[in-house]
N, C-alpha and C. Protein backbone atom coordinates (compact mmCIF):
# COMPACT_ATOMS: atom_id res chain seq x y z
N MET A 1 9.77 15.82 12.04
CA MET A 1 9.45 15.37 10.90
C MET A 1 9.19 16.58 10.01
N ALA A 2 9.64 16.62 8.79
CA ALA A 2 9.47 17.79 7.87
C ALA A 2 7.89 17.71 7.50
N LYS A 3 7.43 18.80 7.13
CA LYS A 3 5.97 18.93 6.63
C LYS A 3 5.57 17.89 5.62
N LYS A 4 6.50 17.62 4.58
CA LYS A 4 6.12 16.65 3.58
C LYS A 4 6.05 15.27 4.06
N ASP A 5 6.68 14.89 5.27
CA ASP A 5 6.72 13.60 5.80
C ASP A 5 5.58 13.36 6.69
N LYS A 6 4.74 14.23 6.90
CA LYS A 6 3.57 14.22 7.75
C LYS A 6 2.39 13.50 6.93
N PHE A 7 1.77 12.73 7.65
CA PHE A 7 0.60 11.96 6.85
C PHE A 7 -0.57 12.91 7.12
N THR A 8 -1.60 12.98 6.06
CA THR A 8 -2.86 13.56 6.11
C THR A 8 -3.79 12.99 7.14
N THR A 9 -4.74 13.62 7.59
CA THR A 9 -5.75 13.00 8.47
C THR A 9 -6.35 11.77 7.71
N GLY A 10 -6.68 11.95 6.50
CA GLY A 10 -7.20 10.94 5.62
C GLY A 10 -6.32 9.63 5.52
N GLU A 11 -5.15 9.97 5.33
CA GLU A 11 -4.13 8.81 5.38
C GLU A 11 -4.13 8.05 6.65
N GLN A 12 -3.98 9.01 7.62
CA GLN A 12 -4.17 8.32 9.04
C GLN A 12 -5.28 7.62 9.43
N ASN A 13 -6.34 7.98 8.94
CA ASN A 13 -7.72 7.20 9.16
C ASN A 13 -7.72 5.90 8.28
N LEU A 14 -7.22 5.91 7.18
CA LEU A 14 -7.13 4.82 6.30
C LEU A 14 -6.14 3.80 6.87
N ALA A 15 -4.98 4.28 7.38
CA ALA A 15 -4.03 3.26 8.04
C ALA A 15 -4.72 2.75 9.29
N LYS A 16 -5.36 3.38 9.88
CA LYS A 16 -6.07 2.93 11.23
C LYS A 16 -7.11 1.79 10.83
N LYS A 17 -7.92 2.11 9.82
CA LYS A 17 -8.77 1.27 9.22
C LYS A 17 -8.20 -0.08 8.94
N TYR A 18 -7.06 -0.09 8.31
CA TYR A 18 -6.46 -1.31 7.81
C TYR A 18 -5.29 -1.83 8.58
N ASN A 19 -5.30 -1.32 9.82
CA ASN A 19 -4.23 -1.71 10.93
C ASN A 19 -2.83 -1.44 10.30
N LEU A 20 -2.59 -0.36 9.68
CA LEU A 20 -1.34 -0.10 9.13
C LEU A 20 -0.52 0.83 10.06
N ASP A 21 0.55 0.59 10.60
CA ASP A 21 1.24 1.26 11.59
C ASP A 21 2.34 2.31 10.77
N LEU A 22 1.76 3.60 10.54
CA LEU A 22 2.62 4.59 9.82
C LEU A 22 3.85 4.83 10.44
N THR A 23 4.05 4.61 11.88
CA THR A 23 5.31 5.05 12.44
C THR A 23 6.38 3.88 11.93
N LYS A 24 6.10 3.02 11.25
CA LYS A 24 7.01 2.00 10.63
C LYS A 24 7.58 2.41 9.26
N LYS A 25 7.20 3.50 8.84
CA LYS A 25 7.38 3.82 7.44
C LYS A 25 8.95 3.86 7.12
N ASP A 26 9.77 4.03 7.99
CA ASP A 26 11.24 4.15 7.79
C ASP A 26 11.99 2.83 8.17
N GLU A 27 11.25 1.93 8.37
CA GLU A 27 12.01 0.53 8.67
C GLU A 27 12.67 0.00 7.51
N LEU A 28 13.58 -0.85 7.81
CA LEU A 28 14.55 -1.36 6.79
C LEU A 28 13.60 -2.25 5.94
N ARG A 29 14.02 -2.20 4.49
CA ARG A 29 13.22 -2.98 3.64
C ARG A 29 13.95 -4.36 3.55
N THR A 30 13.30 -5.31 3.88
CA THR A 30 13.99 -6.70 3.91
C THR A 30 13.00 -7.83 3.31
N LEU A 31 11.76 -7.44 2.92
CA LEU A 31 10.86 -8.43 2.38
C LEU A 31 10.70 -8.30 0.88
N THR A 32 10.59 -9.28 0.18
CA THR A 32 10.51 -9.41 -1.31
C THR A 32 9.08 -9.64 -1.69
N GLU A 33 8.45 -8.88 -2.51
CA GLU A 33 7.19 -9.17 -3.06
C GLU A 33 7.19 -9.04 -4.52
N TYR A 34 6.40 -9.95 -5.21
CA TYR A 34 6.45 -10.12 -6.64
C TYR A 34 5.09 -9.57 -7.31
N ASN A 35 5.20 -9.04 -8.41
CA ASN A 35 4.05 -8.70 -9.18
C ASN A 35 3.34 -9.91 -9.67
N ARG A 36 1.93 -9.96 -9.43
CA ARG A 36 1.17 -11.19 -9.68
C ARG A 36 1.04 -11.50 -11.15
N PHE A 37 1.33 -10.31 -11.99
CA PHE A 37 1.12 -10.61 -13.57
C PHE A 37 2.54 -10.92 -14.16
N GLY A 38 3.47 -9.86 -13.92
CA GLY A 38 4.75 -10.06 -14.59
C GLY A 38 5.70 -10.71 -13.88
N GLY A 39 5.68 -10.80 -12.50
CA GLY A 39 6.68 -11.36 -11.87
C GLY A 39 7.80 -10.43 -11.36
N ALA A 40 7.78 -9.21 -11.66
CA ALA A 40 8.72 -8.27 -11.25
C ALA A 40 8.78 -8.35 -9.81
N SER A 41 9.98 -8.24 -9.16
CA SER A 41 9.99 -8.30 -7.69
C SER A 41 10.60 -6.90 -7.03
N VAL A 42 10.16 -6.60 -5.97
CA VAL A 42 10.65 -5.46 -5.22
C VAL A 42 10.79 -5.71 -3.76
N VAL A 43 11.77 -4.99 -3.10
CA VAL A 43 12.06 -5.09 -1.61
C VAL A 43 11.26 -4.19 -1.01
N VAL A 44 10.48 -4.51 -0.02
CA VAL A 44 9.70 -3.68 0.76
C VAL A 44 9.84 -3.88 2.32
N ASN A 45 9.28 -3.01 3.12
CA ASN A 45 9.17 -3.20 4.59
C ASN A 45 7.81 -3.74 4.87
N GLU A 46 7.56 -4.07 6.13
CA GLU A 46 6.28 -4.53 6.53
C GLU A 46 5.11 -3.61 6.21
N LEU A 47 5.28 -2.35 6.48
CA LEU A 47 4.22 -1.38 6.23
C LEU A 47 3.74 -1.35 4.72
N GLU A 48 4.75 -1.22 3.82
CA GLU A 48 4.57 -1.39 2.45
C GLU A 48 3.88 -2.47 1.94
N LEU A 49 4.39 -3.73 2.49
CA LEU A 49 3.74 -4.88 2.07
C LEU A 49 2.30 -5.04 2.62
N LYS A 50 2.00 -4.66 3.84
CA LYS A 50 0.56 -4.58 4.32
C LYS A 50 -0.26 -3.68 3.47
N THR A 51 0.16 -2.44 3.19
CA THR A 51 -0.48 -1.51 2.27
C THR A 51 -0.82 -2.09 0.92
N TYR A 52 0.14 -2.76 0.47
CA TYR A 52 -0.10 -3.31 -0.94
C TYR A 52 -0.98 -4.44 -0.88
N ARG A 53 -0.91 -5.26 0.04
CA ARG A 53 -1.86 -6.47 0.28
C ARG A 53 -3.19 -5.98 0.61
N ALA A 54 -3.41 -4.93 1.32
CA ALA A 54 -4.74 -4.26 1.72
C ALA A 54 -5.48 -3.88 0.33
N ALA A 55 -4.63 -3.18 -0.49
CA ALA A 55 -5.20 -2.67 -1.86
C ALA A 55 -5.56 -3.92 -2.60
N MET A 56 -4.85 -4.87 -2.77
CA MET A 56 -4.99 -6.06 -3.57
C MET A 56 -6.14 -6.81 -3.14
N SER A 57 -6.38 -6.92 -1.92
CA SER A 57 -7.47 -7.68 -1.32
C SER A 57 -8.81 -7.02 -1.64
N LEU A 58 -8.82 -5.70 -1.84
CA LEU A 58 -10.02 -4.95 -2.26
C LEU A 58 -10.24 -5.24 -3.74
N TYR A 59 -9.15 -5.09 -4.45
CA TYR A 59 -9.44 -5.31 -6.04
C TYR A 59 -9.73 -6.88 -6.25
N GLU A 60 -9.02 -7.68 -5.46
CA GLU A 60 -9.63 -9.14 -5.66
C GLU A 60 -11.12 -9.48 -5.23
N ALA A 61 -11.47 -8.84 -4.28
CA ALA A 61 -12.87 -8.81 -3.93
C ALA A 61 -13.74 -8.42 -5.00
N TYR A 62 -13.39 -7.21 -5.63
CA TYR A 62 -14.07 -6.59 -6.84
C TYR A 62 -14.15 -7.46 -7.81
N GLU A 63 -12.99 -8.24 -8.31
CA GLU A 63 -13.03 -9.20 -9.35
C GLU A 63 -13.98 -10.49 -9.02
N ARG A 64 -14.11 -10.68 -7.78
CA ARG A 64 -15.07 -11.84 -7.34
C ARG A 64 -16.45 -11.37 -7.45
N GLY A 65 -16.88 -10.11 -7.67
CA GLY A 65 -18.12 -9.60 -7.88
C GLY A 65 -18.73 -8.93 -6.63
N GLN A 66 -17.77 -8.85 -5.60
CA GLN A 66 -18.20 -8.12 -4.26
C GLN A 66 -18.14 -6.55 -4.56
N LYS A 67 -19.12 -6.00 -3.71
CA LYS A 67 -19.02 -4.58 -3.78
C LYS A 67 -18.04 -3.93 -2.89
N ILE A 68 -17.09 -3.12 -3.33
CA ILE A 68 -16.05 -2.57 -2.52
C ILE A 68 -16.01 -1.08 -2.69
N ASN A 69 -15.38 -0.37 -1.98
CA ASN A 69 -15.17 1.02 -2.06
C ASN A 69 -13.96 1.20 -2.81
N VAL A 70 -14.15 1.50 -4.15
CA VAL A 70 -13.16 1.71 -5.08
C VAL A 70 -12.17 2.85 -4.76
N SER A 71 -12.80 3.88 -4.27
CA SER A 71 -11.95 5.04 -3.93
C SER A 71 -10.91 4.61 -2.74
N GLU A 72 -11.52 3.73 -1.75
CA GLU A 72 -10.60 3.42 -0.65
C GLU A 72 -9.30 2.47 -1.31
N ALA A 73 -9.61 1.81 -2.21
CA ALA A 73 -8.51 1.06 -2.86
C ALA A 73 -7.56 1.80 -3.43
N ASP A 74 -7.96 2.70 -4.22
CA ASP A 74 -7.28 3.70 -4.81
C ASP A 74 -6.36 4.58 -3.81
N ARG A 75 -7.06 4.91 -2.64
CA ARG A 75 -6.25 5.61 -1.60
C ARG A 75 -5.18 4.68 -0.97
N LEU A 76 -5.44 3.58 -0.94
CA LEU A 76 -4.40 2.66 -0.34
C LEU A 76 -3.22 2.59 -1.41
N LYS A 77 -3.58 2.32 -2.61
CA LYS A 77 -2.58 2.41 -3.73
C LYS A 77 -1.64 3.67 -3.64
N TYR A 78 -2.47 4.83 -3.52
CA TYR A 78 -1.55 6.06 -3.48
C TYR A 78 -0.75 6.21 -2.29
N LEU A 79 -1.19 5.54 -1.09
CA LEU A 79 -0.32 5.57 -0.01
C LEU A 79 0.93 4.81 -0.18
N LEU A 80 0.63 3.61 -0.93
CA LEU A 80 1.87 2.93 -1.33
C LEU A 80 2.75 3.76 -2.16
N LEU A 81 2.38 4.43 -3.06
CA LEU A 81 3.02 5.27 -3.93
C LEU A 81 3.90 6.29 -3.11
N ARG A 82 3.32 6.82 -2.07
CA ARG A 82 4.02 7.82 -1.22
C ARG A 82 4.95 7.09 -0.26
N LEU A 83 4.68 5.84 0.18
CA LEU A 83 5.73 5.25 0.96
C LEU A 83 6.80 4.60 0.22
N ASN A 84 6.62 4.30 -0.97
CA ASN A 84 7.71 3.54 -1.82
C ASN A 84 7.29 3.51 -3.42
N SER A 85 7.78 4.57 -4.01
CA SER A 85 7.31 4.69 -5.39
C SER A 85 7.85 3.40 -6.21
N ASP A 86 8.99 2.74 -5.91
CA ASP A 86 9.67 1.72 -6.60
C ASP A 86 8.57 0.47 -6.31
N ALA A 87 8.06 0.21 -5.30
CA ALA A 87 7.09 -0.69 -5.13
C ALA A 87 5.78 -0.49 -5.86
N TYR A 88 5.39 0.58 -5.83
CA TYR A 88 4.19 1.05 -6.69
C TYR A 88 4.46 0.79 -8.13
N MET A 89 5.50 1.17 -8.53
CA MET A 89 5.85 0.92 -10.03
C MET A 89 5.96 -0.58 -10.41
N ALA A 90 6.57 -1.27 -9.39
CA ALA A 90 6.76 -2.73 -9.67
C ALA A 90 5.51 -3.66 -9.58
N LEU A 91 4.69 -3.12 -8.53
CA LEU A 91 3.61 -4.06 -8.16
C LEU A 91 2.28 -3.65 -8.67
N LEU A 92 2.00 -2.25 -8.85
CA LEU A 92 0.71 -1.78 -9.24
C LEU A 92 0.59 -1.03 -10.37
N ASP A 93 1.67 -0.44 -11.03
CA ASP A 93 1.55 0.46 -12.16
C ASP A 93 1.32 -0.35 -13.44
């Protein structure tokens, strides 16, 4: 794996905390997810979908008034950007 393809220790720790299997980053994209506001769709793989949903669950908890680690939610969001920029743009941007 080229250096740019390696995940940082922080990314690895974040993935471990949220049960995200980074070894599946190159799996075929066969799942469709929709933007909850605009309805835009994007095809993702399982890792990308789990990363997106983990970030969204933190943001939804925040909207319900729960205390969350905003930095962690942002890190999940940027991990999705690194995994699939199209998914980031369609779902989170």
